[in-house]
Amino acid sequence: MVDEKLERLKFKRLNRILAMLLYDMKDLPDEGRDFPIRWYIMHMYSSSQLAKLLAIHRGIEPELAGIAAALHDIGAVVTGKHEGHAVAAEKYVVEFLTRYNNESKLYIITEEEMDTIMNAIVKHSEKDKDSNDRFVELLKDVDSLDRYFHGVKTEGAHFERCNRVIKELLLK
């Protein structure tokens, strides 16, 4: 039996954002990139799904978690470089969400939500640091777990986070 609350979850903003990101990314060249664009597209979608699941489990707003997960590597997508991509993302997230709000009108992302998303994205690469922000920690955990599930070499703080989340979800 599906919980009545889950049946009412709305993901209109997230679905529109995913569509916009795919449109923006699908024809980008791989040349000069640290990772192929297809990796980022795959990672964007699967991270978004994992974020919603983990957010529901942790009592965090799932659509907002999905949006942050979808956008978390936009710095690497735009610059082509993984090094420093989390901090570099700030400018691109603001531009993207402003464009989304201008096009959407009905289902905008509020300033407070933008701040929450931005804070998590800028800090998501700090896997070895624990913060008191549940939203930041969720994005770090999702990024680590998604990479692991895609078969990317996972060690150190990434691996520790994966183990914690798998235990948390009673998968091990």
N, C-alpha and C. Protein backbone atom coordinates (compact mmCIF):
# COMPACT_ATOMS: atom_id res chain seq x y z
N MET A 1 0.86 -1.18 0.00
CA MET A 1 0.00 0.00 0.00
C MET A 1 0.90 1.24 0.00
N VAL A 2 0.69 2.12 -0.94
CA VAL A 2 1.44 3.36 -1.02
C VAL A 2 0.84 4.37 -0.06
N ASP A 3 1.69 5.00 0.73
CA ASP A 3 1.25 6.01 1.68
C ASP A 3 0.56 7.13 0.92
N GLU A 4 -0.57 7.60 1.46
CA GLU A 4 -1.34 8.67 0.80
C GLU A 4 -0.49 9.91 0.55
N LYS A 5 0.39 10.23 1.49
CA LYS A 5 1.26 11.40 1.34
C LYS A 5 2.15 11.26 0.11
N LEU A 6 2.68 10.07 -0.13
CA LEU A 6 3.53 9.85 -1.29
C LEU A 6 2.77 10.01 -2.59
N GLU A 7 1.52 9.63 -2.59
CA GLU A 7 0.72 9.76 -3.81
C GLU A 7 0.54 11.21 -4.22
N ARG A 8 0.63 12.12 -3.27
CA ARG A 8 0.41 13.54 -3.55
C ARG A 8 1.68 14.31 -3.87
N LEU A 9 2.83 13.64 -3.85
CA LEU A 9 4.07 14.34 -4.15
C LEU A 9 4.04 14.89 -5.56
N LYS A 10 4.46 16.12 -5.69
CA LYS A 10 4.49 16.79 -6.99
C LYS A 10 5.94 17.10 -7.35
N PHE A 11 6.26 16.85 -8.58
CA PHE A 11 7.62 17.08 -9.04
C PHE A 11 7.63 17.92 -10.32
N LYS A 12 6.69 18.83 -10.45
CA LYS A 12 6.61 19.65 -11.66
C LYS A 12 7.88 20.47 -11.90
N ARG A 13 8.39 21.09 -10.86
CA ARG A 13 9.60 21.90 -11.01
C ARG A 13 10.79 21.02 -11.38
N LEU A 14 10.95 19.93 -10.68
CA LEU A 14 12.07 19.03 -10.94
C LEU A 14 12.00 18.48 -12.37
N ASN A 15 10.84 18.04 -12.79
CA ASN A 15 10.71 17.48 -14.13
C ASN A 15 11.05 18.52 -15.20
N ARG A 16 10.63 19.75 -15.01
CA ARG A 16 10.94 20.81 -15.96
C ARG A 16 12.44 21.11 -15.96
N ILE A 17 13.04 21.13 -14.79
CA ILE A 17 14.48 21.38 -14.67
C ILE A 17 15.28 20.27 -15.35
N LEU A 18 14.88 19.02 -15.14
CA LEU A 18 15.57 17.91 -15.81
C LEU A 18 15.46 18.03 -17.33
N ALA A 19 14.29 18.40 -17.81
CA ALA A 19 14.10 18.57 -19.26
C ALA A 19 14.98 19.70 -19.80
N MET A 20 15.04 20.80 -19.07
CA MET A 20 15.88 21.92 -19.49
C MET A 20 17.36 21.52 -19.51
N LEU A 21 17.79 20.81 -18.47
CA LEU A 21 19.19 20.39 -18.41
C LEU A 21 19.54 19.45 -19.57
N LEU A 22 18.66 18.50 -19.84
CA LEU A 22 18.91 17.58 -20.94
C LEU A 22 19.00 18.35 -22.27
N TYR A 23 18.10 19.26 -22.48
CA TYR A 23 18.11 20.07 -23.70
C TYR A 23 19.44 20.84 -23.83
N ASP A 24 19.89 21.42 -22.71
CA ASP A 24 21.13 22.19 -22.71
C ASP A 24 22.37 21.32 -22.91
N MET A 25 22.32 20.07 -22.44
CA MET A 25 23.51 19.23 -22.39
C MET A 25 23.65 18.26 -23.56
N LYS A 26 22.57 17.85 -24.14
CA LYS A 26 22.59 16.70 -25.07
C LYS A 26 23.53 16.86 -26.26
N ASP A 27 23.76 18.04 -26.72
CA ASP A 27 24.61 18.24 -27.90
C ASP A 27 25.99 18.81 -27.57
N LEU A 28 26.33 18.87 -26.28
CA LEU A 28 27.65 19.38 -25.91
C LEU A 28 28.72 18.37 -26.33
N PRO A 29 29.85 18.84 -26.83
CA PRO A 29 30.92 17.92 -27.25
C PRO A 29 31.67 17.35 -26.04
N ASP A 30 32.26 16.17 -26.22
CA ASP A 30 33.08 15.55 -25.18
C ASP A 30 34.51 16.07 -25.19
N GLU A 31 34.94 16.61 -26.30
CA GLU A 31 36.31 17.06 -26.47
C GLU A 31 36.70 18.09 -25.39
N GLY A 32 37.84 17.83 -24.75
CA GLY A 32 38.36 18.74 -23.74
C GLY A 32 37.74 18.59 -22.37
N ARG A 33 36.85 17.65 -22.20
CA ARG A 33 36.19 17.43 -20.91
C ARG A 33 36.92 16.37 -20.10
N ASP A 34 36.82 16.49 -18.79
CA ASP A 34 37.38 15.45 -17.92
C ASP A 34 36.55 14.17 -18.00
N PHE A 35 35.26 14.31 -18.21
CA PHE A 35 34.34 13.16 -18.33
C PHE A 35 33.40 13.42 -19.50
N PRO A 36 32.96 12.37 -20.18
CA PRO A 36 32.03 12.56 -21.30
C PRO A 36 30.69 13.13 -20.82
N ILE A 37 30.05 13.89 -21.67
CA ILE A 37 28.79 14.53 -21.31
C ILE A 37 27.72 13.48 -20.98
N ARG A 38 27.78 12.32 -21.63
CA ARG A 38 26.79 11.27 -21.33
C ARG A 38 26.87 10.83 -19.86
N TRP A 39 28.09 10.89 -19.26
CA TRP A 39 28.22 10.56 -17.84
C TRP A 39 27.40 11.54 -17.00
N TYR A 40 27.54 12.82 -17.30
CA TYR A 40 26.83 13.83 -16.52
C TYR A 40 25.32 13.72 -16.69
N ILE A 41 24.87 13.40 -17.88
CA ILE A 41 23.43 13.24 -18.10
C ILE A 41 22.92 12.05 -17.29
N MET A 42 23.62 10.93 -17.37
CA MET A 42 23.22 9.74 -16.62
C MET A 42 23.25 10.02 -15.11
N HIS A 43 24.33 10.64 -14.65
CA HIS A 43 24.52 10.95 -13.23
C HIS A 43 23.47 11.95 -12.74
N MET A 44 23.10 12.90 -13.58
CA MET A 44 22.09 13.89 -13.23
C MET A 44 20.75 13.20 -12.93
N TYR A 45 20.33 12.32 -13.83
CA TYR A 45 19.04 11.65 -13.65
C TYR A 45 19.05 10.67 -12.48
N SER A 46 20.07 9.84 -12.40
CA SER A 46 20.08 8.84 -11.33
C SER A 46 20.30 9.49 -9.96
N SER A 47 21.12 10.53 -9.89
CA SER A 47 21.30 11.24 -8.61
C SER A 47 19.99 11.87 -8.15
N SER A 48 19.25 12.41 -9.09
CA SER A 48 17.97 13.03 -8.77
C SER A 48 17.00 12.01 -8.17
N GLN A 49 16.97 10.82 -8.75
CA GLN A 49 16.08 9.77 -8.23
C GLN A 49 16.52 9.32 -6.84
N LEU A 50 17.83 9.09 -6.68
CA LEU A 50 18.34 8.69 -5.36
C LEU A 50 18.07 9.77 -4.31
N ALA A 51 18.23 11.02 -4.71
CA ALA A 51 18.01 12.13 -3.77
C ALA A 51 16.57 12.14 -3.27
N LYS A 52 15.62 11.92 -4.17
CA LYS A 52 14.21 11.90 -3.75
C LYS A 52 13.97 10.76 -2.76
N LEU A 53 14.50 9.60 -3.07
CA LEU A 53 14.32 8.44 -2.19
C LEU A 53 14.92 8.68 -0.81
N LEU A 54 16.17 9.15 -0.78
CA LEU A 54 16.83 9.38 0.50
C LEU A 54 16.18 10.53 1.26
N ALA A 55 15.72 11.54 0.54
CA ALA A 55 15.03 12.66 1.19
C ALA A 55 13.74 12.21 1.86
N ILE A 56 12.97 11.39 1.17
CA ILE A 56 11.74 10.85 1.78
C ILE A 56 12.09 10.08 3.04
N HIS A 57 13.12 9.24 2.95
CA HIS A 57 13.55 8.45 4.11
C HIS A 57 13.97 9.33 5.29
N ARG A 58 14.62 10.45 4.98
CA ARG A 58 15.16 11.33 6.03
C ARG A 58 14.22 12.47 6.42
N GLY A 59 13.06 12.55 5.79
CA GLY A 59 12.11 13.60 6.13
C GLY A 59 12.50 14.96 5.58
N ILE A 60 13.16 14.98 4.44
CA ILE A 60 13.58 16.20 3.77
C ILE A 60 12.72 16.36 2.53
N GLU A 61 12.47 17.59 2.11
CA GLU A 61 11.63 17.86 0.94
C GLU A 61 12.21 17.17 -0.30
N PRO A 62 11.54 16.16 -0.84
CA PRO A 62 12.13 15.38 -1.93
C PRO A 62 12.32 16.12 -3.26
N GLU A 63 11.41 17.00 -3.62
CA GLU A 63 11.58 17.70 -4.89
C GLU A 63 12.81 18.60 -4.83
N LEU A 64 12.97 19.32 -3.75
CA LEU A 64 14.13 20.20 -3.60
C LEU A 64 15.43 19.40 -3.62
N ALA A 65 15.43 18.24 -2.97
CA ALA A 65 16.60 17.37 -2.98
C ALA A 65 16.90 16.90 -4.41
N GLY A 66 15.86 16.55 -5.15
CA GLY A 66 16.04 16.12 -6.53
C GLY A 66 16.59 17.22 -7.41
N ILE A 67 16.14 18.44 -7.18
CA ILE A 67 16.63 19.59 -7.95
C ILE A 67 18.11 19.82 -7.66
N ALA A 68 18.48 19.81 -6.39
CA ALA A 68 19.89 20.01 -6.04
C ALA A 68 20.76 18.90 -6.66
N ALA A 69 20.29 17.68 -6.61
CA ALA A 69 21.05 16.57 -7.18
C ALA A 69 21.18 16.70 -8.70
N ALA A 70 20.12 17.14 -9.35
CA ALA A 70 20.17 17.32 -10.80
C ALA A 70 21.18 18.38 -11.20
N LEU A 71 21.31 19.42 -10.38
CA LEU A 71 22.18 20.55 -10.70
C LEU A 71 23.59 20.46 -10.11
N HIS A 72 23.86 19.47 -9.27
CA HIS A 72 25.08 19.51 -8.47
C HIS A 72 26.38 19.49 -9.27
N ASP A 73 26.39 18.96 -10.47
CA ASP A 73 27.62 18.94 -11.28
C ASP A 73 27.59 19.94 -12.43
N ILE A 74 26.71 20.92 -12.38
CA ILE A 74 26.61 21.89 -13.48
C ILE A 74 27.91 22.66 -13.68
N GLY A 75 28.69 22.85 -12.63
CA GLY A 75 29.98 23.52 -12.77
C GLY A 75 30.92 22.74 -13.67
N ALA A 76 30.94 21.42 -13.53
CA ALA A 76 31.77 20.56 -14.38
C ALA A 76 31.21 20.48 -15.80
N VAL A 77 29.91 20.50 -15.92
CA VAL A 77 29.29 20.45 -17.25
C VAL A 77 29.66 21.70 -18.04
N VAL A 78 29.55 22.85 -17.42
CA VAL A 78 29.81 24.11 -18.13
C VAL A 78 31.30 24.31 -18.39
N THR A 79 32.14 24.03 -17.40
CA THR A 79 33.58 24.28 -17.57
C THR A 79 34.31 23.12 -18.22
N GLY A 80 33.75 21.93 -18.13
CA GLY A 80 34.41 20.74 -18.65
C GLY A 80 35.41 20.15 -17.69
N LYS A 81 35.61 20.78 -16.56
CA LYS A 81 36.63 20.35 -15.60
C LYS A 81 36.00 19.94 -14.27
N HIS A 82 36.51 18.86 -13.72
CA HIS A 82 35.99 18.37 -12.43
C HIS A 82 36.61 19.14 -11.25
N GLU A 83 37.86 19.49 -11.38
CA GLU A 83 38.56 20.20 -10.30
C GLU A 83 37.85 21.52 -10.01
N GLY A 84 37.44 21.71 -8.75
CA GLY A 84 36.80 22.94 -8.32
C GLY A 84 35.39 23.16 -8.84
N HIS A 85 34.77 22.10 -9.36
CA HIS A 85 33.46 22.25 -10.00
C HIS A 85 32.35 22.64 -9.04
N ALA A 86 32.45 22.23 -7.78
CA ALA A 86 31.38 22.53 -6.82
C ALA A 86 31.29 24.04 -6.56
N VAL A 87 32.42 24.66 -6.32
CA VAL A 87 32.45 26.10 -6.06
C VAL A 87 32.14 26.87 -7.35
N ALA A 88 32.67 26.38 -8.47
CA ALA A 88 32.41 27.03 -9.77
C ALA A 88 30.93 27.01 -10.13
N ALA A 89 30.20 26.06 -9.58
CA ALA A 89 28.78 25.88 -9.93
C ALA A 89 27.90 27.05 -9.51
N GLU A 90 28.30 27.79 -8.50
CA GLU A 90 27.43 28.84 -7.94
C GLU A 90 26.89 29.77 -9.02
N LYS A 91 27.75 30.30 -9.83
CA LYS A 91 27.36 31.23 -10.89
C LYS A 91 26.36 30.58 -11.85
N TYR A 92 26.64 29.35 -12.24
CA TYR A 92 25.82 28.66 -13.23
C TYR A 92 24.47 28.23 -12.67
N VAL A 93 24.44 27.88 -11.39
CA VAL A 93 23.16 27.51 -10.76
C VAL A 93 22.25 28.74 -10.69
N VAL A 94 22.80 29.87 -10.30
CA VAL A 94 22.01 31.11 -10.24
C VAL A 94 21.46 31.44 -11.62
N GLU A 95 22.31 31.39 -12.64
CA GLU A 95 21.86 31.68 -14.00
C GLU A 95 20.78 30.71 -14.45
N PHE A 96 20.99 29.43 -14.18
CA PHE A 96 20.04 28.41 -14.62
C PHE A 96 18.69 28.57 -13.91
N LEU A 97 18.71 28.72 -12.58
CA LEU A 97 17.45 28.83 -11.84
C LEU A 97 16.73 30.15 -12.13
N THR A 98 17.48 31.20 -12.41
CA THR A 98 16.86 32.46 -12.82
C THR A 98 16.15 32.26 -14.17
N ARG A 99 16.82 31.60 -15.09
CA ARG A 99 16.19 31.30 -16.38
C ARG A 99 14.95 30.43 -16.20
N TYR A 100 15.08 29.41 -15.33
CA TYR A 100 13.93 28.54 -15.05
C TYR A 100 12.76 29.38 -14.52
N ASN A 101 13.02 30.23 -13.54
CA ASN A 101 11.95 31.06 -12.95
C ASN A 101 11.33 31.99 -13.99
N ASN A 102 12.15 32.55 -14.87
CA ASN A 102 11.62 33.45 -15.91
C ASN A 102 10.75 32.71 -16.91
N GLU A 103 11.08 31.47 -17.19
CA GLU A 103 10.30 30.67 -18.14
C GLU A 103 9.09 30.02 -17.49
N SER A 104 9.18 29.69 -16.22
CA SER A 104 8.15 28.91 -15.55
C SER A 104 6.96 29.74 -15.10
N LYS A 105 7.21 30.77 -14.34
CA LYS A 105 6.20 31.67 -13.78
C LYS A 105 5.28 31.00 -12.75
N LEU A 106 4.71 29.84 -13.05
CA LEU A 106 3.75 29.21 -12.14
C LEU A 106 4.41 28.49 -10.96
N TYR A 107 5.50 27.82 -11.23
CA TYR A 107 6.14 26.98 -10.20
C TYR A 107 7.57 27.43 -9.97
N ILE A 108 7.73 28.60 -9.39
CA ILE A 108 9.06 29.17 -9.24
C ILE A 108 9.84 28.53 -8.08
N ILE A 109 11.14 28.72 -8.14
CA ILE A 109 12.03 28.34 -7.04
C ILE A 109 12.24 29.62 -6.24
N THR A 110 11.91 29.59 -4.96
CA THR A 110 12.02 30.79 -4.13
C THR A 110 13.48 31.09 -3.81
N GLU A 111 13.74 32.31 -3.34
CA GLU A 111 15.11 32.69 -2.94
C GLU A 111 15.62 31.78 -1.83
N GLU A 112 14.75 31.46 -0.87
CA GLU A 112 15.16 30.57 0.22
C GLU A 112 15.53 29.18 -0.31
N GLU A 113 14.73 28.67 -1.25
CA GLU A 113 15.04 27.37 -1.85
C GLU A 113 16.33 27.43 -2.65
N MET A 114 16.54 28.54 -3.38
CA MET A 114 17.79 28.71 -4.12
C MET A 114 18.99 28.68 -3.18
N ASP A 115 18.88 29.35 -2.04
CA ASP A 115 19.96 29.37 -1.07
C ASP A 115 20.26 27.97 -0.55
N THR A 116 19.22 27.19 -0.28
CA THR A 116 19.38 25.82 0.21
C THR A 116 20.06 24.96 -0.84
N ILE A 117 19.60 25.06 -2.08
CA ILE A 117 20.18 24.31 -3.19
C ILE A 117 21.64 24.71 -3.39
N MET A 118 21.90 26.01 -3.42
CA MET A 118 23.24 26.52 -3.66
C MET A 118 24.21 26.07 -2.58
N ASN A 119 23.82 26.18 -1.34
CA ASN A 119 24.69 25.79 -0.24
C ASN A 119 25.08 24.31 -0.36
N ALA A 120 24.13 23.46 -0.67
CA ALA A 120 24.42 22.03 -0.80
C ALA A 120 25.35 21.76 -1.99
N ILE A 121 25.10 22.43 -3.10
CA ILE A 121 25.92 22.20 -4.30
C ILE A 121 27.35 22.66 -4.07
N VAL A 122 27.53 23.84 -3.50
CA VAL A 122 28.87 24.38 -3.28
C VAL A 122 29.67 23.50 -2.32
N LYS A 123 29.01 22.83 -1.39
CA LYS A 123 29.70 22.02 -0.38
C LYS A 123 29.70 20.52 -0.69
N HIS A 124 29.09 20.10 -1.79
CA HIS A 124 28.92 18.65 -2.01
C HIS A 124 30.23 17.90 -2.25
N SER A 125 31.29 18.58 -2.61
CA SER A 125 32.57 17.90 -2.83
C SER A 125 33.35 17.69 -1.54
N GLU A 126 32.91 18.27 -0.46
CA GLU A 126 33.60 18.14 0.83
C GLU A 126 33.15 16.86 1.53
N LYS A 127 33.40 15.73 0.90
CA LYS A 127 32.91 14.44 1.41
C LYS A 127 33.52 14.06 2.75
N ASP A 128 34.74 14.54 3.01
CA ASP A 128 35.42 14.19 4.25
C ASP A 128 35.02 15.08 5.43
N LYS A 129 34.16 16.06 5.19
CA LYS A 129 33.69 16.95 6.26
C LYS A 129 32.23 16.69 6.53
N ASP A 130 31.89 16.63 7.82
CA ASP A 130 30.49 16.51 8.20
C ASP A 130 30.00 17.88 8.62
N SER A 131 28.82 18.22 8.14
CA SER A 131 28.22 19.50 8.53
C SER A 131 26.98 19.22 9.37
N ASN A 132 26.41 20.25 9.93
CA ASN A 132 25.16 20.10 10.68
C ASN A 132 23.95 20.33 9.79
N ASP A 133 24.18 20.47 8.48
CA ASP A 133 23.10 20.75 7.53
C ASP A 133 22.66 19.43 6.88
N ARG A 134 21.46 19.00 7.20
CA ARG A 134 20.96 17.72 6.68
C ARG A 134 20.86 17.72 5.16
N PHE A 135 20.57 18.86 4.57
CA PHE A 135 20.43 18.95 3.13
C PHE A 135 21.80 18.81 2.45
N VAL A 136 22.82 19.44 3.00
CA VAL A 136 24.18 19.32 2.48
C VAL A 136 24.64 17.88 2.58
N GLU A 137 24.42 17.27 3.72
CA GLU A 137 24.84 15.88 3.93
C GLU A 137 24.11 14.93 2.99
N LEU A 138 22.85 15.20 2.74
CA LEU A 138 22.09 14.38 1.80
C LEU A 138 22.73 14.42 0.41
N LEU A 139 23.09 15.59 -0.07
CA LEU A 139 23.67 15.69 -1.40
C LEU A 139 25.04 15.01 -1.47
N LYS A 140 25.84 15.14 -0.43
CA LYS A 140 27.13 14.45 -0.39
C LYS A 140 26.92 12.94 -0.45
N ASP A 141 25.96 12.45 0.32
CA ASP A 141 25.67 11.01 0.35
C ASP A 141 25.14 10.51 -1.00
N VAL A 142 24.26 11.27 -1.60
CA VAL A 142 23.68 10.89 -2.90
C VAL A 142 24.78 10.84 -3.96
N ASP A 143 25.62 11.84 -4.01
CA ASP A 143 26.69 11.87 -5.00
C ASP A 143 27.60 10.66 -4.84
N SER A 144 27.98 10.35 -3.62
CA SER A 144 28.85 9.20 -3.36
C SER A 144 28.17 7.89 -3.75
N LEU A 145 26.94 7.73 -3.35
CA LEU A 145 26.21 6.49 -3.62
C LEU A 145 25.94 6.31 -5.11
N ASP A 146 25.59 7.37 -5.79
CA ASP A 146 25.32 7.26 -7.22
C ASP A 146 26.57 6.87 -8.00
N ARG A 147 27.68 7.47 -7.67
CA ARG A 147 28.94 7.11 -8.32
C ARG A 147 29.24 5.62 -8.09
N TYR A 148 29.05 5.18 -6.87
CA TYR A 148 29.29 3.78 -6.50
C TYR A 148 28.39 2.85 -7.31
N PHE A 149 27.11 3.19 -7.41
CA PHE A 149 26.17 2.36 -8.16
C PHE A 149 26.47 2.33 -9.65
N HIS A 150 27.18 3.33 -10.16
CA HIS A 150 27.57 3.35 -11.57
C HIS A 150 28.91 2.65 -11.80
N GLY A 151 29.51 2.14 -10.74
CA GLY A 151 30.76 1.41 -10.88
C GLY A 151 32.00 2.28 -10.91
N VAL A 152 31.86 3.55 -10.52
CA VAL A 152 33.02 4.43 -10.44
C VAL A 152 33.84 4.04 -9.21
N LYS A 153 35.15 4.01 -9.36
CA LYS A 153 36.03 3.66 -8.24
C LYS A 153 35.66 4.53 -7.03
N THR A 154 35.36 3.87 -5.93
CA THR A 154 34.86 4.56 -4.74
C THR A 154 35.73 4.19 -3.55
N GLU A 155 36.40 5.19 -2.99
CA GLU A 155 37.27 4.94 -1.85
C GLU A 155 37.24 6.13 -0.90
N GLY A 156 37.89 5.99 0.21
CA GLY A 156 37.98 7.08 1.18
C GLY A 156 36.62 7.53 1.69
N ALA A 157 36.45 8.85 1.76
CA ALA A 157 35.21 9.43 2.31
C ALA A 157 34.00 9.05 1.47
N HIS A 158 34.18 8.92 0.15
CA HIS A 158 33.07 8.48 -0.70
C HIS A 158 32.58 7.10 -0.26
N PHE A 159 33.53 6.19 -0.05
CA PHE A 159 33.19 4.82 0.32
C PHE A 159 32.55 4.76 1.71
N GLU A 160 33.08 5.54 2.65
CA GLU A 160 32.51 5.59 4.00
C GLU A 160 31.06 6.08 3.95
N ARG A 161 30.80 7.08 3.15
CA ARG A 161 29.43 7.58 3.01
C ARG A 161 28.52 6.51 2.41
N CYS A 162 29.00 5.81 1.41
CA CYS A 162 28.20 4.74 0.80
C CYS A 162 27.83 3.69 1.83
N ASN A 163 28.79 3.26 2.61
CA ASN A 163 28.53 2.26 3.64
C ASN A 163 27.51 2.74 4.65
N ARG A 164 27.64 3.99 5.09
CA ARG A 164 26.68 4.53 6.06
C ARG A 164 25.27 4.56 5.50
N VAL A 165 25.13 5.01 4.25
CA VAL A 165 23.80 5.13 3.65
C VAL A 165 23.20 3.74 3.42
N ILE A 166 23.99 2.82 2.95
CA ILE A 166 23.49 1.46 2.73
C ILE A 166 23.00 0.85 4.03
N LYS A 167 23.74 1.04 5.11
CA LYS A 167 23.30 0.56 6.42
C LYS A 167 22.05 1.29 6.89
N GLU A 168 22.02 2.62 6.67
CA GLU A 168 20.88 3.43 7.05
C GLU A 168 19.60 2.93 6.38
N LEU A 169 19.71 2.55 5.13
CA LEU A 169 18.55 2.07 4.37
C LEU A 169 18.30 0.58 4.55
N LEU A 170 19.08 -0.01 5.45
CA LEU A 170 18.94 -1.43 5.76
C LEU A 170 19.15 -2.33 4.53
N LEU A 171 20.08 -1.91 3.68
CA LEU A 171 20.39 -2.70 2.48
C LEU A 171 21.53 -3.67 2.73
N LYS A 172 22.14 -3.58 3.92
CA LYS A 172 23.28 -4.45 4.23
C LYS A 172 23.20 -4.89 5.66
